[in-house]
Amino acid sequence: MSKISLALITKNEQENIQICLNSIGNLIDEIVVVDTGSTDRTLEILEKQPNVMLYQFEWTNDFSDARNYAINQCTGD
């Protein structure tokens, strides 16, 4: 059976992250979140989620670096 991973890149998304996580419900087997330097409550919200694997990534001014890092953290198909 396939395992579905979702990779998200965040920065200061406290207003939206819970809505996003709620909208996917039980459709995803693994949620990988790569944060690029939030200074609001985004990290606090994510740390309370039992199904989220949270990683910190220093922003390099290149979205593809963050995207590739996030994809490399995923274990799903």
PDB file of N, CA and C in Angstrom:
ATOM      1  N   MET A   1       0.833  -1.176   0.000  1.00  0.00           N
ATOM      2  CA  MET A   1       0.000   0.000   0.000  1.00  0.00           C
ATOM      3  C   MET A   1       0.882   1.246   0.000  1.00  0.00           C
ATOM      4  N   SER A   2       0.508   2.231  -0.749  1.00  0.00           N
ATOM      5  CA  SER A   2       1.275   3.470  -0.858  1.00  0.00           C
ATOM      6  C   SER A   2       1.141   4.326   0.389  1.00  0.00           C
ATOM      7  N   LYS A   3       2.187   5.055   0.671  1.00  0.00           N
ATOM      8  CA  LYS A   3       2.185   6.022   1.764  1.00  0.00           C
ATOM      9  C   LYS A   3       2.238   7.402   1.144  1.00  0.00           C
ATOM     10  N   ILE A   4       1.331   8.272   1.549  1.00  0.00           N
ATOM     11  CA  ILE A   4       1.245   9.616   0.979  1.00  0.00           C
ATOM     12  C   ILE A   4       1.858  10.614   1.947  1.00  0.00           C
ATOM     13  N   SER A   5       2.824  11.367   1.431  1.00  0.00           N
ATOM     14  CA  SER A   5       3.478  12.423   2.214  1.00  0.00           C
ATOM     15  C   SER A   5       3.040  13.785   1.701  1.00  0.00           C
ATOM     16  N   LEU A   6       2.881  14.711   2.617  1.00  0.00           N
ATOM     17  CA  LEU A   6       2.615  16.103   2.290  1.00  0.00           C
ATOM     18  C   LEU A   6       3.773  16.928   2.813  1.00  0.00           C
ATOM     19  N   ALA A   7       4.371  17.734   1.954  1.00  0.00           N
ATOM     20  CA  ALA A   7       5.464  18.608   2.358  1.00  0.00           C
ATOM     21  C   ALA A   7       4.979  20.052   2.296  1.00  0.00           C
ATOM     22  N   LEU A   8       5.118  20.764   3.400  1.00  0.00           N
ATOM     23  CA  LEU A   8       4.731  22.173   3.480  1.00  0.00           C
ATOM     24  C   LEU A   8       5.942  23.009   3.857  1.00  0.00           C
ATOM     25  N   ILE A   9       6.024  24.187   3.282  1.00  0.00           N
ATOM     26  CA  ILE A   9       7.049  25.153   3.655  1.00  0.00           C
ATOM     27  C   ILE A   9       6.324  26.336   4.263  1.00  0.00           C
ATOM     28  N   THR A  10       6.737  26.716   5.458  1.00  0.00           N
ATOM     29  CA  THR A  10       6.032  27.781   6.164  1.00  0.00           C
ATOM     30  C   THR A  10       6.966  28.884   6.624  1.00  0.00           C
ATOM     31  N   LYS A  11       6.366  30.038   6.823  1.00  0.00           N
ATOM     32  CA  LYS A  11       6.997  31.156   7.518  1.00  0.00           C
ATOM     33  C   LYS A  11       5.872  32.106   7.925  1.00  0.00           C
ATOM     34  N   ASN A  12       5.719  32.281   9.220  1.00  0.00           N
ATOM     35  CA  ASN A  12       4.709  33.187   9.777  1.00  0.00           C
ATOM     36  C   ASN A  12       3.312  32.906   9.221  1.00  0.00           C
ATOM     37  N   GLU A  13       2.863  31.676   9.431  1.00  0.00           N
ATOM     38  CA  GLU A  13       1.556  31.237   8.937  1.00  0.00           C
ATOM     39  C   GLU A  13       0.578  30.920  10.065  1.00  0.00           C
ATOM     40  N   GLN A  14       0.712  31.605  11.205  1.00  0.00           N
ATOM     41  CA  GLN A  14      -0.140  31.285  12.341  1.00  0.00           C
ATOM     42  C   GLN A  14      -1.626  31.427  12.036  1.00  0.00           C
ATOM     43  N   GLU A  15      -1.983  32.289  11.131  1.00  0.00           N
ATOM     44  CA  GLU A  15      -3.395  32.506  10.792  1.00  0.00           C
ATOM     45  C   GLU A  15      -3.956  31.399   9.901  1.00  0.00           C
ATOM     46  N   ASN A  16      -3.086  30.673   9.205  1.00  0.00           N
ATOM     47  CA  ASN A  16      -3.557  29.723   8.199  1.00  0.00           C
ATOM     48  C   ASN A  16      -3.184  28.274   8.448  1.00  0.00           C
ATOM     49  N   ILE A  17      -2.161  28.007   9.232  1.00  0.00           N
ATOM     50  CA  ILE A  17      -1.632  26.647   9.308  1.00  0.00           C
ATOM     51  C   ILE A  17      -2.632  25.661   9.895  1.00  0.00           C
ATOM     52  N   GLN A  18      -3.372  26.044  10.911  1.00  0.00           N
ATOM     53  CA  GLN A  18      -4.336  25.111  11.503  1.00  0.00           C
ATOM     54  C   GLN A  18      -5.462  24.797  10.522  1.00  0.00           C
ATOM     55  N   ILE A  19      -5.904  25.799   9.777  1.00  0.00           N
ATOM     56  CA  ILE A  19      -6.935  25.591   8.756  1.00  0.00           C
ATOM     57  C   ILE A  19      -6.425  24.615   7.705  1.00  0.00           C
ATOM     58  N   CYS A  20      -5.203  24.795   7.296  1.00  0.00           N
ATOM     59  CA  CYS A  20      -4.596  23.908   6.297  1.00  0.00           C
ATOM     60  C   CYS A  20      -4.536  22.476   6.819  1.00  0.00           C
ATOM     61  N   LEU A  21      -4.044  22.290   8.032  1.00  0.00           N
ATOM     62  CA  LEU A  21      -3.937  20.956   8.596  1.00  0.00           C
ATOM     63  C   LEU A  21      -5.303  20.311   8.782  1.00  0.00           C
ATOM     64  N   ASN A  22      -6.277  21.077   9.212  1.00  0.00           N
ATOM     65  CA  ASN A  22      -7.631  20.549   9.394  1.00  0.00           C
ATOM     66  C   ASN A  22      -8.248  20.131   8.065  1.00  0.00           C
ATOM     67  N   SER A  23      -7.920  20.836   7.005  1.00  0.00           N
ATOM     68  CA  SER A  23      -8.542  20.557   5.707  1.00  0.00           C
ATOM     69  C   SER A  23      -8.082  19.237   5.099  1.00  0.00           C
ATOM     70  N   ILE A  24      -6.912  18.751   5.492  1.00  0.00           N
ATOM     71  CA  ILE A  24      -6.445  17.493   4.915  1.00  0.00           C
ATOM     72  C   ILE A  24      -6.916  16.283   5.713  1.00  0.00           C
ATOM     73  N   GLY A  25      -7.388  16.536   6.939  1.00  0.00           N
ATOM     74  CA  GLY A  25      -7.946  15.459   7.750  1.00  0.00           C
ATOM     75  C   GLY A  25      -7.044  14.250   7.826  1.00  0.00           C
ATOM     76  N   ASN A  26      -7.622  13.087   7.554  1.00  0.00           N
ATOM     77  CA  ASN A  26      -6.881  11.828   7.611  1.00  0.00           C
ATOM     78  C   ASN A  26      -6.463  11.340   6.229  1.00  0.00           C
ATOM     79  N   LEU A  27      -6.389  12.238   5.269  1.00  0.00           N
ATOM     80  CA  LEU A  27      -6.054  11.853   3.901  1.00  0.00           C
ATOM     81  C   LEU A  27      -4.563  11.608   3.692  1.00  0.00           C
ATOM     82  N   ILE A  28      -3.742  12.142   4.569  1.00  0.00           N
ATOM     83  CA  ILE A  28      -2.292  12.109   4.407  1.00  0.00           C
ATOM     84  C   ILE A  28      -1.678  11.221   5.486  1.00  0.00           C
ATOM     85  N   ASP A  29      -0.719  10.405   5.108  1.00  0.00           N
ATOM     86  CA  ASP A  29      -0.060   9.522   6.066  1.00  0.00           C
ATOM     87  C   ASP A  29       1.061  10.230   6.829  1.00  0.00           C
ATOM     88  N   GLU A  30       1.682  11.218   6.199  1.00  0.00           N
ATOM     89  CA  GLU A  30       2.837  11.888   6.791  1.00  0.00           C
ATOM     90  C   GLU A  30       2.813  13.360   6.395  1.00  0.00           C
ATOM     91  N   ILE A  31       3.000  14.232   7.391  1.00  0.00           N
ATOM     92  CA  ILE A  31       3.053  15.671   7.122  1.00  0.00           C
ATOM     93  C   ILE A  31       4.431  16.175   7.542  1.00  0.00           C
ATOM     94  N   VAL A  32       5.176  16.642   6.550  1.00  0.00           N
ATOM     95  CA  VAL A  32       6.496  17.208   6.784  1.00  0.00           C
ATOM     96  C   VAL A  32       6.381  18.716   6.612  1.00  0.00           C
ATOM     97  N   VAL A  33       6.742  19.457   7.657  1.00  0.00           N
ATOM     98  CA  VAL A  33       6.699  20.915   7.590  1.00  0.00           C
ATOM     99  C   VAL A  33       8.111  21.446   7.761  1.00  0.00           C
ATOM    100  N   VAL A  34       8.528  22.242   6.805  1.00  0.00           N
ATOM    101  CA  VAL A  34       9.830  22.898   6.859  1.00  0.00           C
ATOM    102  C   VAL A  34       9.568  24.377   7.079  1.00  0.00           C
ATOM    103  N   ASP A  35      10.019  24.878   8.207  1.00  0.00           N
ATOM    104  CA  ASP A  35       9.813  26.289   8.534  1.00  0.00           C
ATOM    105  C   ASP A  35      11.079  27.068   8.220  1.00  0.00           C
ATOM    106  N   THR A  36      10.888  28.207   7.574  1.00  0.00           N
ATOM    107  CA  THR A  36      12.029  29.003   7.117  1.00  0.00           C
ATOM    108  C   THR A  36      12.258  30.257   7.956  1.00  0.00           C
ATOM    109  N   GLY A  37      11.844  30.206   9.224  1.00  0.00           N
ATOM    110  CA  GLY A  37      12.160  31.322  10.114  1.00  0.00           C
ATOM    111  C   GLY A  37      10.972  32.065  10.679  1.00  0.00           C
ATOM    112  N   SER A  38       9.936  31.363  11.062  1.00  0.00           N
ATOM    113  CA  SER A  38       8.754  32.021  11.624  1.00  0.00           C
ATOM    114  C   SER A  38       9.094  32.761  12.912  1.00  0.00           C
ATOM    115  N   THR A  39       8.470  33.928  13.071  1.00  0.00           N
ATOM    116  CA  THR A  39       8.626  34.704  14.294  1.00  0.00           C
ATOM    117  C   THR A  39       7.293  34.892  15.005  1.00  0.00           C
ATOM    118  N   ASP A  40       6.237  34.286  14.471  1.00  0.00           N
ATOM    119  CA  ASP A  40       4.924  34.349  15.105  1.00  0.00           C
ATOM    120  C   ASP A  40       4.670  33.020  15.829  1.00  0.00           C
ATOM    121  N   ARG A  41       3.443  32.610  15.988  1.00  0.00           N
ATOM    122  CA  ARG A  41       3.090  31.388  16.717  1.00  0.00           C
ATOM    123  C   ARG A  41       3.056  30.138  15.838  1.00  0.00           C
ATOM    124  N   THR A  42       3.521  30.214  14.616  1.00  0.00           N
ATOM    125  CA  THR A  42       3.463  29.072  13.705  1.00  0.00           C
ATOM    126  C   THR A  42       4.117  27.831  14.312  1.00  0.00           C
ATOM    127  N   LEU A  43       5.321  27.964  14.824  1.00  0.00           N
ATOM    128  CA  LEU A  43       6.036  26.818  15.390  1.00  0.00           C
ATOM    129  C   LEU A  43       5.302  26.244  16.600  1.00  0.00           C
ATOM    130  N   GLU A  44       4.777  27.097  17.434  1.00  0.00           N
ATOM    131  CA  GLU A  44       4.024  26.662  18.613  1.00  0.00           C
ATOM    132  C   GLU A  44       2.818  25.813  18.195  1.00  0.00           C
ATOM    133  N   ILE A  45       2.113  26.254  17.183  1.00  0.00           N
ATOM    134  CA  ILE A  45       0.949  25.524  16.678  1.00  0.00           C
ATOM    135  C   ILE A  45       1.376  24.180  16.106  1.00  0.00           C
ATOM    136  N   LEU A  46       2.421  24.173  15.309  1.00  0.00           N
ATOM    137  CA  LEU A  46       2.874  22.942  14.671  1.00  0.00           C
ATOM    138  C   LEU A  46       3.408  21.930  15.676  1.00  0.00           C
ATOM    139  N   GLU A  47       4.074  22.392  16.711  1.00  0.00           N
ATOM    140  CA  GLU A  47       4.643  21.484  17.712  1.00  0.00           C
ATOM    141  C   GLU A  47       3.564  20.724  18.475  1.00  0.00           C
ATOM    142  N   LYS A  48       2.347  21.214  18.482  1.00  0.00           N
ATOM    143  CA  LYS A  48       1.232  20.553  19.176  1.00  0.00           C
ATOM    144  C   LYS A  48       0.553  19.498  18.316  1.00  0.00           C
ATOM    145  N   GLN A  49       0.935  19.410  17.056  1.00  0.00           N
ATOM    146  CA  GLN A  49       0.311  18.462  16.134  1.00  0.00           C
ATOM    147  C   GLN A  49       1.050  17.126  16.193  1.00  0.00           C
ATOM    148  N   PRO A  50       0.368  16.048  16.585  1.00  0.00           N
ATOM    149  CA  PRO A  50       1.062  14.766  16.744  1.00  0.00           C
ATOM    150  C   PRO A  50       1.527  14.135  15.435  1.00  0.00           C
ATOM    151  N   ASN A  51       0.940  14.492  14.326  1.00  0.00           N
ATOM    152  CA  ASN A  51       1.274  13.859  13.046  1.00  0.00           C
ATOM    153  C   ASN A  51       2.179  14.719  12.167  1.00  0.00           C
ATOM    154  N   VAL A  52       2.761  15.768  12.734  1.00  0.00           N
ATOM    155  CA  VAL A  52       3.615  16.682  11.963  1.00  0.00           C
ATOM    156  C   VAL A  52       5.074  16.464  12.339  1.00  0.00           C
ATOM    157  N   MET A  53       5.897  16.301  11.317  1.00  0.00           N
ATOM    158  CA  MET A  53       7.342  16.261  11.514  1.00  0.00           C
ATOM    159  C   MET A  53       7.856  17.646  11.123  1.00  0.00           C
ATOM    160  N   LEU A  54       8.371  18.373  12.094  1.00  0.00           N
ATOM    161  CA  LEU A  54       8.758  19.768  11.910  1.00  0.00           C
ATOM    162  C   LEU A  54      10.270  19.895  11.807  1.00  0.00           C
ATOM    163  N   TYR A  55      10.709  20.611  10.763  1.00  0.00           N
ATOM    164  CA  TYR A  55      12.124  20.843  10.523  1.00  0.00           C
ATOM    165  C   TYR A  55      12.358  22.341  10.345  1.00  0.00           C
ATOM    166  N   GLN A  56      13.516  22.795  10.791  1.00  0.00           N
ATOM    167  CA  GLN A  56      13.923  24.185  10.602  1.00  0.00           C
ATOM    168  C   GLN A  56      14.856  24.249   9.394  1.00  0.00           C
ATOM    169  N   PHE A  57      14.696  25.299   8.604  1.00  0.00           N
ATOM    170  CA  PHE A  57      15.546  25.475   7.432  1.00  0.00           C
ATOM    171  C   PHE A  57      15.896  26.945   7.309  1.00  0.00           C
ATOM    172  N   GLU A  58      17.175  27.244   7.263  1.00  0.00           N
ATOM    173  CA  GLU A  58      17.601  28.633   7.113  1.00  0.00           C
ATOM    174  C   GLU A  58      17.349  29.090   5.678  1.00  0.00           C
ATOM    175  N   TRP A  59      16.579  30.145   5.534  1.00  0.00           N
ATOM    176  CA  TRP A  59      16.189  30.665   4.222  1.00  0.00           C
ATOM    177  C   TRP A  59      17.413  31.092   3.434  1.00  0.00           C
ATOM    178  N   THR A  60      17.478  30.681   2.171  1.00  0.00           N
ATOM    179  CA  THR A  60      18.623  30.977   1.311  1.00  0.00           C
ATOM    180  C   THR A  60      18.236  31.891   0.145  1.00  0.00           C
ATOM    181  N   ASN A  61      17.056  32.466   0.200  1.00  0.00           N
ATOM    182  CA  ASN A  61      16.524  33.287  -0.890  1.00  0.00           C
ATOM    183  C   ASN A  61      16.300  32.484  -2.166  1.00  0.00           C
ATOM    184  N   ASP A  62      16.136  31.182  -2.014  1.00  0.00           N
ATOM    185  CA  ASP A  62      15.872  30.301  -3.149  1.00  0.00           C
ATOM    186  C   ASP A  62      14.848  29.258  -2.709  1.00  0.00           C
ATOM    187  N   PHE A  63      13.614  29.428  -3.175  1.00  0.00           N
ATOM    188  CA  PHE A  63      12.540  28.534  -2.755  1.00  0.00           C
ATOM    189  C   PHE A  63      12.866  27.077  -3.084  1.00  0.00           C
ATOM    190  N   SER A  64      13.557  26.839  -4.184  1.00  0.00           N
ATOM    191  CA  SER A  64      13.843  25.457  -4.570  1.00  0.00           C
ATOM    192  C   SER A  64      14.726  24.752  -3.537  1.00  0.00           C
ATOM    193  N   ASP A  65      15.582  25.470  -2.839  1.00  0.00           N
ATOM    194  CA  ASP A  65      16.386  24.863  -1.778  1.00  0.00           C
ATOM    195  C   ASP A  65      15.487  24.331  -0.665  1.00  0.00           C
ATOM    196  N   ALA A  66      14.528  25.147  -0.244  1.00  0.00           N
ATOM    197  CA  ALA A  66      13.592  24.725   0.802  1.00  0.00           C
ATOM    198  C   ALA A  66      12.718  23.576   0.313  1.00  0.00           C
ATOM    199  N   ARG A  67      12.259  23.655  -0.919  1.00  0.00           N
ATOM    200  CA  ARG A  67      11.424  22.592  -1.492  1.00  0.00           C
ATOM    201  C   ARG A  67      12.183  21.274  -1.532  1.00  0.00           C
ATOM    202  N   ASN A  68      13.407  21.302  -2.026  1.00  0.00           N
ATOM    203  CA  ASN A  68      14.199  20.077  -2.116  1.00  0.00           C
ATOM    204  C   ASN A  68      14.493  19.501  -0.741  1.00  0.00           C
ATOM    205  N   TYR A  69      14.765  20.359   0.225  1.00  0.00           N
ATOM    206  CA  TYR A  69      15.000  19.899   1.583  1.00  0.00           C
ATOM    207  C   TYR A  69      13.752  19.217   2.126  1.00  0.00           C
ATOM    208  N   ALA A  70      12.591  19.832   1.923  1.00  0.00           N
ATOM    209  CA  ALA A  70      11.329  19.253   2.403  1.00  0.00           C
ATOM    210  C   ALA A  70      11.066  17.899   1.757  1.00  0.00           C
ATOM    211  N   ILE A  71      11.268  17.793   0.480  1.00  0.00           N
ATOM    212  CA  ILE A  71      11.033  16.528  -0.233  1.00  0.00           C
ATOM    213  C   ILE A  71      11.975  15.444   0.292  1.00  0.00           C
ATOM    214  N   ASN A  72      13.196  15.819   0.603  1.00  0.00           N
ATOM    215  CA  ASN A  72      14.154  14.844   1.106  1.00  0.00           C
ATOM    216  C   ASN A  72      13.780  14.306   2.490  1.00  0.00           C
ATOM    217  N   GLN A  73      12.955  15.042   3.227  1.00  0.00           N
ATOM    218  CA  GLN A  73      12.526  14.582   4.542  1.00  0.00           C
ATOM    219  C   GLN A  73      11.353  13.605   4.465  1.00  0.00           C
ATOM    220  N   CYS A  74      10.672  13.579   3.352  1.00  0.00           N
ATOM    221  CA  CYS A  74       9.497  12.713   3.179  1.00  0.00           C
ATOM    222  C   CYS A  74       9.918  11.260   2.993  1.00  0.00           C
ATOM    223  N   THR A  75       9.097  10.374   3.547  1.00  0.00           N
ATOM    224  CA  THR A  75       9.373   8.939   3.426  1.00  0.00           C
ATOM    225  C   THR A  75       8.312   8.228   2.585  1.00  0.00           C
ATOM    226  N   GLY A  76       7.280   8.949   2.179  1.00  0.00           N
ATOM    227  CA  GLY A  76       6.214   8.333   1.398  1.00  0.00           C
ATOM    228  C   GLY A  76       6.596   8.141  -0.055  1.00  0.00           C
ATOM    229  N   ASP A  77       5.716   7.452  -0.750  1.00  0.00           N
ATOM    230  CA  ASP A  77       5.926   7.166  -2.163  1.00  0.00           C
ATOM    231  C   ASP A  77       5.786   8.407  -3.019  1.00  0.00           C
TER     232      ASP A  77
END
